[in-house]
C-alpha atoms as a PDB file:
ATOM      1  CA  UNK A   1     -11.262 110.208-102.226  1.00  0.00           C
ATOM      2  CA  UNK A   2      -8.669 107.547-103.025  1.00  0.00           C
ATOM      3  CA  UNK A   3      -6.384 108.355-100.114  1.00  0.00           C
ATOM      4  CA  UNK A   4      -9.490 108.489 -97.729  1.00  0.00           C
ATOM      5  CA  UNK A   5     -10.629 104.942 -98.564  1.00  0.00           C
ATOM      6  CA  UNK A   6      -6.954 103.577 -98.450  1.00  0.00           C
ATOM      7  CA  UNK A   7      -6.866 105.144 -94.922  1.00  0.00           C
ATOM      8  CA  UNK A   8     -10.119 103.644 -93.994  1.00  0.00           C
ATOM      9  CA  UNK A   9      -8.951 100.170 -95.106  1.00  0.00           C
ATOM     10  CA  UNK A  10      -5.675 100.551 -93.069  1.00  0.00           C
ATOM     11  CA  UNK A  11      -7.532 101.762 -90.222  1.00  0.00           C
ATOM     12  CA  UNK A  12      -9.887  98.867 -90.518  1.00  0.00           C
ATOM     13  CA  UNK A  13      -7.074  96.240 -90.723  1.00  0.00           C
ATOM     14  CA  UNK A  14      -5.352  97.732 -88.138  1.00  0.00           C
ATOM     15  CA  UNK A  15      -8.405  97.568 -85.712  1.00  0.00           C
ATOM     16  CA  UNK A  16      -9.273  94.043 -86.986  1.00  0.00           C
ATOM     17  CA  UNK A  17      -5.945  93.124 -86.435  1.00  0.00           C
ATOM     18  CA  UNK A  18      -5.633  94.738 -83.000  1.00  0.00           C
ATOM     19  CA  UNK A  19      -8.861  92.743 -82.250  1.00  0.00           C
ATOM     20  CA  UNK A  20      -7.584  89.487 -83.397  1.00  0.00           C
ATOM     21  CA  UNK A  21      -4.411  89.801 -81.584  1.00  0.00           C
ATOM     22  CA  UNK A  22      -6.409  90.403 -78.249  1.00  0.00           C
ATOM     23  CA  UNK A  23      -8.287  87.228 -79.014  1.00  0.00           C
ATOM     24  CA  UNK A  24      -5.155  85.105 -79.303  1.00  0.00           C
ATOM     25  CA  UNK A  25      -4.722  82.860 -76.359  1.00  0.00           C
ATOM     26  CA  UNK A  26      -1.787  83.180 -74.253  1.00  0.00           C
ATOM     27  CA  UNK A  27      -0.837  79.447 -75.184  1.00  0.00           C
ATOM     28  CA  UNK A  28      -0.486  80.202 -78.993  1.00  0.00           C
ATOM     29  CA  UNK A  29       1.809  77.837 -80.465  1.00  0.00           C
ATOM     30  CA  UNK A  30       5.353  79.874 -80.888  1.00  0.00           C
ATOM     31  CA  UNK A  31       8.203  78.652 -83.103  1.00  0.00           C
ATOM     32  CA  UNK A  32      10.671  79.942 -80.104  1.00  0.00           C
ATOM     33  CA  UNK A  33      10.008  78.996 -76.365  1.00  0.00           C
ATOM     34  CA  UNK A  34      11.737  80.701 -73.620  1.00  0.00           C
ATOM     35  CA  UNK A  35      12.763  79.275 -70.123  1.00  0.00           C
ATOM     36  CA  UNK A  36      14.245  80.862 -67.301  1.00  0.00           C
ATOM     37  CA  UNK A  37      16.824  78.183 -66.242  1.00  0.00           C
ATOM     38  CA  UNK A  38      17.503  80.212 -62.846  1.00  0.00           C
ATOM     39  CA  UNK A  39      14.216  80.409 -61.721  1.00  0.00           C
ATOM     40  CA  UNK A  40      13.424  76.742 -62.887  1.00  0.00           C
ATOM     41  CA  UNK A  41      16.092  75.949 -60.376  1.00  0.00           C
ATOM     42  CA  UNK A  42      15.355  78.393 -57.678  1.00  0.00           C
ATOM     43  CA  UNK A  43      11.428  77.800 -57.600  1.00  0.00           C
ATOM     44  CA  UNK A  44      11.098  74.007 -58.169  1.00  0.00           C
ATOM     45  CA  UNK A  45      10.933  71.800 -55.112  1.00  0.00           C
ATOM     46  CA  UNK A  46      14.179  69.920 -56.389  1.00  0.00           C
ATOM     47  CA  UNK A  47      15.954  73.167 -56.940  1.00  0.00           C
ATOM     48  CA  UNK A  48      14.962  74.510 -53.457  1.00  0.00           C
ATOM     49  CA  UNK A  49      16.144  71.046 -51.956  1.00  0.00           C
ATOM     50  CA  UNK A  50      19.547  71.333 -53.660  1.00  0.00           C
ATOM     51  CA  UNK A  51      19.994  75.082 -52.520  1.00  0.00           C
ATOM     52  CA  UNK A  52      18.707  74.217 -48.912  1.00  0.00           C
ATOM     53  CA  UNK A  53      21.699  71.522 -48.915  1.00  0.00           C
ATOM     54  CA  UNK A  54      24.312  73.794 -50.504  1.00  0.00           C
ATOM     55  CA  UNK A  55      23.187  76.473 -47.556  1.00  0.00           C
ATOM     56  CA  UNK A  56      23.469  73.963 -44.748  1.00  0.00           C
ATOM     57  CA  UNK A  57      27.023  72.719 -46.014  1.00  0.00           C
ATOM     58  CA  UNK A  58      28.004  76.186 -46.591  1.00  0.00           C
ATOM     59  CA  UNK A  59      27.233  77.092 -42.976  1.00  0.00           C
ATOM     60  CA  UNK A  60      29.077  74.047 -41.539  1.00  0.00           C
ATOM     61  CA  UNK A  61      32.110  75.112 -43.660  1.00  0.00           C
ATOM     62  CA  UNK A  62      31.975  78.585 -42.409  1.00  0.00           C
ATOM     63  CA  UNK A  63      31.484  77.535 -38.863  1.00  0.00           C
ATOM     64  CA  UNK A  64      34.449  75.050 -39.308  1.00  0.00           C
ATOM     65  CA  UNK A  65      36.554  77.733 -40.663  1.00  0.00           C
ATOM     66  CA  UNK A  66      35.690  80.245 -37.898  1.00  0.00           C
ATOM     67  CA  UNK A  67      36.618  77.464 -35.390  1.00  0.00           C
ATOM     68  CA  UNK A  68      39.784  76.629 -36.944  1.00  0.00           C
ATOM     69  CA  UNK A  69      40.763  80.491 -37.131  1.00  0.00           C
ATOM     70  CA  UNK A  70      40.145  80.853 -33.471  1.00  0.00           C
ATOM     71  CA  UNK A  71      42.406  78.119 -32.721  1.00  0.00           C
ATOM     72  CA  UNK A  72      45.164  79.166 -34.906  1.00  0.00           C
ATOM     73  CA  UNK A  73      44.954  82.695 -33.425  1.00  0.00           C
ATOM     74  CA  UNK A  74      45.241  81.119 -30.063  1.00  0.00           C
ATOM     75  CA  UNK A  75      48.094  78.945 -31.027  1.00  0.00           C
ATOM     76  CA  UNK A  76      49.620  82.178 -32.690  1.00  0.00           C
ATOM     77  CA  UNK A  77      49.046  84.142 -29.381  1.00  0.00           C
ATOM     78  CA  UNK A  78      50.638  81.500 -27.674  1.00  0.00           C
ATOM     79  CA  UNK A  79      53.642  81.144 -29.710  1.00  0.00           C
ATOM     80  CA  UNK A  80      54.233  85.159 -29.886  1.00  0.00           C
ATOM     81  CA  UNK A  81      54.093  85.117 -26.068  1.00  0.00           C
ATOM     82  CA  UNK A  82      56.820  82.355 -25.744  1.00  0.00           C
ATOM     83  CA  UNK A  83      58.991  84.169 -28.187  1.00  0.00           C
ATOM     84  CA  UNK A  84      61.021  86.088 -25.657  1.00  0.00           C
ATOM     85  CA  UNK A  85      61.850  82.953 -23.691  1.00  0.00           C
ATOM     86  CA  UNK A  86      62.810  81.015 -26.478  1.00  0.00           C
ATOM     87  CA  UNK A  87      66.186  80.924 -28.490  1.00  0.00           C
ATOM     88  CA  UNK A  88      66.159  82.868 -31.805  1.00  0.00           C
ATOM     89  CA  UNK A  89      66.554  79.645 -33.864  1.00  0.00           C
ATOM     90  CA  UNK A  90      63.832  77.331 -31.986  1.00  0.00           C
ATOM     91  CA  UNK A  91      61.278  80.406 -32.294  1.00  0.00           C
ATOM     92  CA  UNK A  92      61.780  80.492 -35.963  1.00  0.00           C
ATOM     93  CA  UNK A  93      61.639  77.038 -36.366  1.00  0.00           C
ATOM     94  CA  UNK A  94      58.367  77.021 -34.554  1.00  0.00           C
ATOM     95  CA  UNK A  95      57.068  80.006 -36.599  1.00  0.00           C
ATOM     96  CA  UNK A  96      57.983  78.335 -39.846  1.00  0.00           C
ATOM     97  CA  UNK A  97      56.053  75.156 -38.752  1.00  0.00           C
ATOM     98  CA  UNK A  98      53.103  77.136 -37.633  1.00  0.00           C
ATOM     99  CA  UNK A  99      53.146  78.990 -40.935  1.00  0.00           C
ATOM    100  CA  UNK A 100      53.322  75.697 -42.891  1.00  0.00           C
ATOM    101  CA  UNK A 101      50.392  74.182 -40.963  1.00  0.00           C
ATOM    102  CA  UNK A 102      48.329  77.531 -41.605  1.00  0.00           C
ATOM    103  CA  UNK A 103      49.003  77.136 -45.191  1.00  0.00           C
ATOM    104  CA  UNK A 104      48.398  73.553 -45.519  1.00  0.00           C
ATOM    105  CA  UNK A 105      44.947  74.300 -43.377  1.00  0.00           C
ATOM    106  CA  UNK A 106      44.167  77.195 -45.707  1.00  0.00           C
ATOM    107  CA  UNK A 107      44.894  75.086 -48.957  1.00  0.00           C
ATOM    108  CA  UNK A 108      42.589  72.017 -47.407  1.00  0.00           C
ATOM    109  CA  UNK A 109      39.713  74.455 -46.431  1.00  0.00           C
ATOM    110  CA  UNK A 110      39.697  76.114 -50.119  1.00  0.00           C
ATOM    111  CA  UNK A 111      39.483  72.759 -51.424  1.00  0.00           C
ATOM    112  CA  UNK A 112      36.550  72.143 -49.650  1.00  0.00           C
ATOM    113  CA  UNK A 113      35.085  75.425 -50.766  1.00  0.00           C
ATOM    114  CA  UNK A 114      35.853  74.486 -54.406  1.00  0.00           C
ATOM    115  CA  UNK A 115      34.620  71.041 -54.103  1.00  0.00           C
ATOM    116  CA  UNK A 116      31.192  72.391 -52.438  1.00  0.00           C
ATOM    117  CA  UNK A 117      30.771  74.727 -55.527  1.00  0.00           C
ATOM    118  CA  UNK A 118      31.671  72.041 -57.900  1.00  0.00           C
ATOM    119  CA  UNK A 119      28.901  69.617 -56.381  1.00  0.00           C
ATOM    120  CA  UNK A 120      26.487  72.619 -56.325  1.00  0.00           C
ATOM    121  CA  UNK A 121      27.142  72.919 -59.960  1.00  0.00           C
ATOM    122  CA  UNK A 122      26.651  69.552 -60.695  1.00  0.00           C
ATOM    123  CA  UNK A 123      23.698  69.073 -58.940  1.00  0.00           C
ATOM    124  CA  UNK A 124      21.997  72.243 -60.818  1.00  0.00           C
ATOM    125  CA  UNK A 125      23.037  70.417 -64.123  1.00  0.00           C
ATOM    126  CA  UNK A 126      21.425  67.134 -63.158  1.00  0.00           C
ATOM    127  CA  UNK A 127      18.510  69.005 -62.432  1.00  0.00           C
ATOM    128  CA  UNK A 128      18.523  70.749 -65.574  1.00  0.00           C
ATOM    129  CA  UNK A 129      19.077  67.318 -67.424  1.00  0.00           C
ATOM    130  CA  UNK A 130      16.220  65.827 -65.570  1.00  0.00           C
ATOM    131  CA  UNK A 131      13.895  68.727 -66.823  1.00  0.00           C
ATOM    132  CA  UNK A 132      14.933  68.159 -70.670  1.00  0.00           C
ATOM    133  CA  UNK A 133      12.254  65.657 -71.266  1.00  0.00           C
ATOM    134  CA  UNK A 134       9.754  67.899 -69.330  1.00  0.00           C
ATOM    135  CA  UNK A 135      10.931  70.910 -71.502  1.00  0.00           C
ATOM    136  CA  UNK A 136      10.808  68.810 -74.613  1.00  0.00           C
ATOM    137  CA  UNK A 137       7.296  67.865 -74.121  1.00  0.00           C
ATOM    138  CA  UNK A 138       6.357  71.378 -73.352  1.00  0.00           C
ATOM    139  CA  UNK A 139       7.757  72.473 -76.347  1.00  0.00           C
ATOM    140  CA  UNK A 140       5.990  69.884 -78.669  1.00  0.00           C
ATOM    141  CA  UNK A 141       2.753  70.861 -77.103  1.00  0.00           C
ATOM    142  CA  UNK A 142       3.669  74.353 -77.544  1.00  0.00           C
ATOM    143  CA  UNK A 143       4.674  73.628 -81.244  1.00  0.00           C
ATOM    144  CA  UNK A 144       7.947  75.233 -80.423  1.00  0.00           C
ATOM    145  CA  UNK A 145      11.068  74.205 -82.106  1.00  0.00           C
ATOM    146  CA  UNK A 146      13.651  76.187 -80.403  1.00  0.00           C
ATOM    147  CA  UNK A 147      14.151  76.761 -76.585  1.00  0.00           C
ATOM    148  CA  UNK A 148      15.933  79.867 -75.366  1.00  0.00           C
ATOM    149  CA  UNK A 149      16.919  81.119 -71.828  1.00  0.00           C
ATOM    150  CA  UNK A 150      15.413  84.197 -70.842  1.00  0.00           C
ATOM    151  CA  UNK A 151      18.518  85.764 -70.326  1.00  0.00           C
ATOM    152  CA  UNK A 152      19.558  85.521 -74.175  1.00  0.00           C
ATOM    153  CA  UNK A 153      15.933  87.202 -75.251  1.00  0.00           C
ATOM    154  CA  UNK A 154      15.343  90.905 -75.501  1.00  0.00           C
ATOM    155  CA  UNK A 155      11.376  90.747 -75.659  1.00  0.00           C
ATOM    156  CA  UNK A 156       9.254  88.019 -75.808  1.00  0.00           C
ATOM    157  CA  UNK A 157       5.393  87.198 -75.403  1.00  0.00           C
ATOM    158  CA  UNK A 158       4.445  85.619 -72.107  1.00  0.00           C
ATOM    159  CA  UNK A 159       2.649  82.892 -73.841  1.00  0.00           C
ATOM    160  CA  UNK A 160       6.404  81.950 -75.012  1.00  0.00           C
ATOM    161  CA  UNK A 161       7.694  81.269 -71.600  1.00  0.00           C
ATOM    162  CA  UNK A 162       7.652  77.565 -70.210  1.00  0.00           C
ATOM    163  CA  UNK A 163       8.979  78.099 -66.917  1.00  0.00           C
ATOM    164  CA  UNK A 164       5.750  78.010 -64.943  1.00  0.00           C
ATOM    165  CA  UNK A 165       4.661  74.882 -66.546  1.00  0.00           C
ATOM    166  CA  UNK A 166       8.162  73.479 -66.283  1.00  0.00           C
ATOM    167  CA  UNK A 167       8.313  73.916 -62.680  1.00  0.00           C
ATOM    168  CA  UNK A 168       4.865  72.489 -62.051  1.00  0.00           C
ATOM    169  CA  UNK A 169       5.507  69.455 -63.857  1.00  0.00           C
ATOM    170  CA  UNK A 170       9.058  68.894 -62.316  1.00  0.00           C
ATOM    171  CA  UNK A 171       7.507  69.332 -58.919  1.00  0.00           C
ATOM    172  CA  UNK A 172       4.711  66.712 -60.009  1.00  0.00           C
ATOM    173  CA  UNK A 173       7.551  64.206 -61.164  1.00  0.00           C
ATOM    174  CA  UNK A 174       9.220  65.010 -57.686  1.00  0.00           C
ATOM    175  CA  UNK A 175       6.440  64.588 -55.450  1.00  0.00           C
ATOM    176  CA  UNK A 176       6.057  61.038 -55.718  1.00  0.00           C
ATOM    177  CA  UNK A 177       9.815  60.381 -55.302  1.00  0.00           C
ATOM    178  CA  UNK A 178       9.563  62.706 -52.297  1.00  0.00           C
ATOM    179  CA  UNK A 179       6.635  60.610 -50.837  1.00  0.00           C
ATOM    180  CA  UNK A 180       8.579  57.473 -51.391  1.00  0.00           C
ATOM    181  CA  UNK A 181      11.770  59.004 -49.802  1.00  0.00           C
ATOM    182  CA  UNK A 182       9.652  59.751 -46.740  1.00  0.00           C
ATOM    183  CA  UNK A 183       7.427  56.824 -46.348  1.00  0.00           C
ATOM    184  CA  UNK A 184       9.032  54.712 -43.263  1.00  0.00           C
ATOM    185  CA  UNK A 185      10.027  51.250 -44.016  1.00  0.00           C
ATOM    186  CA  UNK A 186       8.196  48.354 -42.539  1.00  0.00           C
ATOM    187  CA  UNK A 187       9.832  47.653 -39.185  1.00  0.00           C
ATOM    188  CA  UNK A 188      11.193  44.128 -38.477  1.00  0.00           C
ATOM    189  CA  UNK A 189       8.205  42.206 -36.951  1.00  0.00           C
ATOM    190  CA  UNK A 190       5.866  44.802 -38.937  1.00  0.00           C
ATOM    191  CA  UNK A 191       3.108  44.288 -40.600  1.00  0.00           C
ATOM    192  CA  UNK A 192       4.281  41.675 -43.009  1.00  0.00           C
ATOM    193  CA  UNK A 193       5.707  39.570 -39.935  1.00  0.00           C
ATOM    194  CA  UNK A 194       3.950  36.337 -38.590  1.00  0.00           C
ATOM    195  CA  UNK A 195       2.248  36.601 -35.080  1.00  0.00           C
END
């Protein structure tokens, strides 16, 4: 009898706990909050602008590399065609100069590529730094003391994830800036000029 009463009590607690858990809102305060930094960057307006600039710069660099490669291949063909008509020493000198020029160009293009990657990383870091006050406010609003990246989390409740709210706040902050960037300046003799 005592076992049946204990089982009924455990079952009652379990059912009331399940009912209570279902009634807890998704925005319940959490000691730990979660952010998906990659999604914050990829899905925010500023992050998309950064990615678009990177893609454009990358396409430009790829096109430049292809153009340089085609020019060097043509130069190499011409040099190879002249080989039979040149003295061996002169050809070796021209070939060595060509190889040195190719290596210098390759190093310069690799430097451009590394510089582009570094610039991209710096812009991503600036975006994340810009998001810090937003994330801090969201943490405060949710009662969170710690913010972890989603990549370091095994399991979390959906309500602990601040990513969507952070993206919305970052975009809202960006909207007035984008509007002021796009607003045309008064032309000389414009609205403020005397007739």
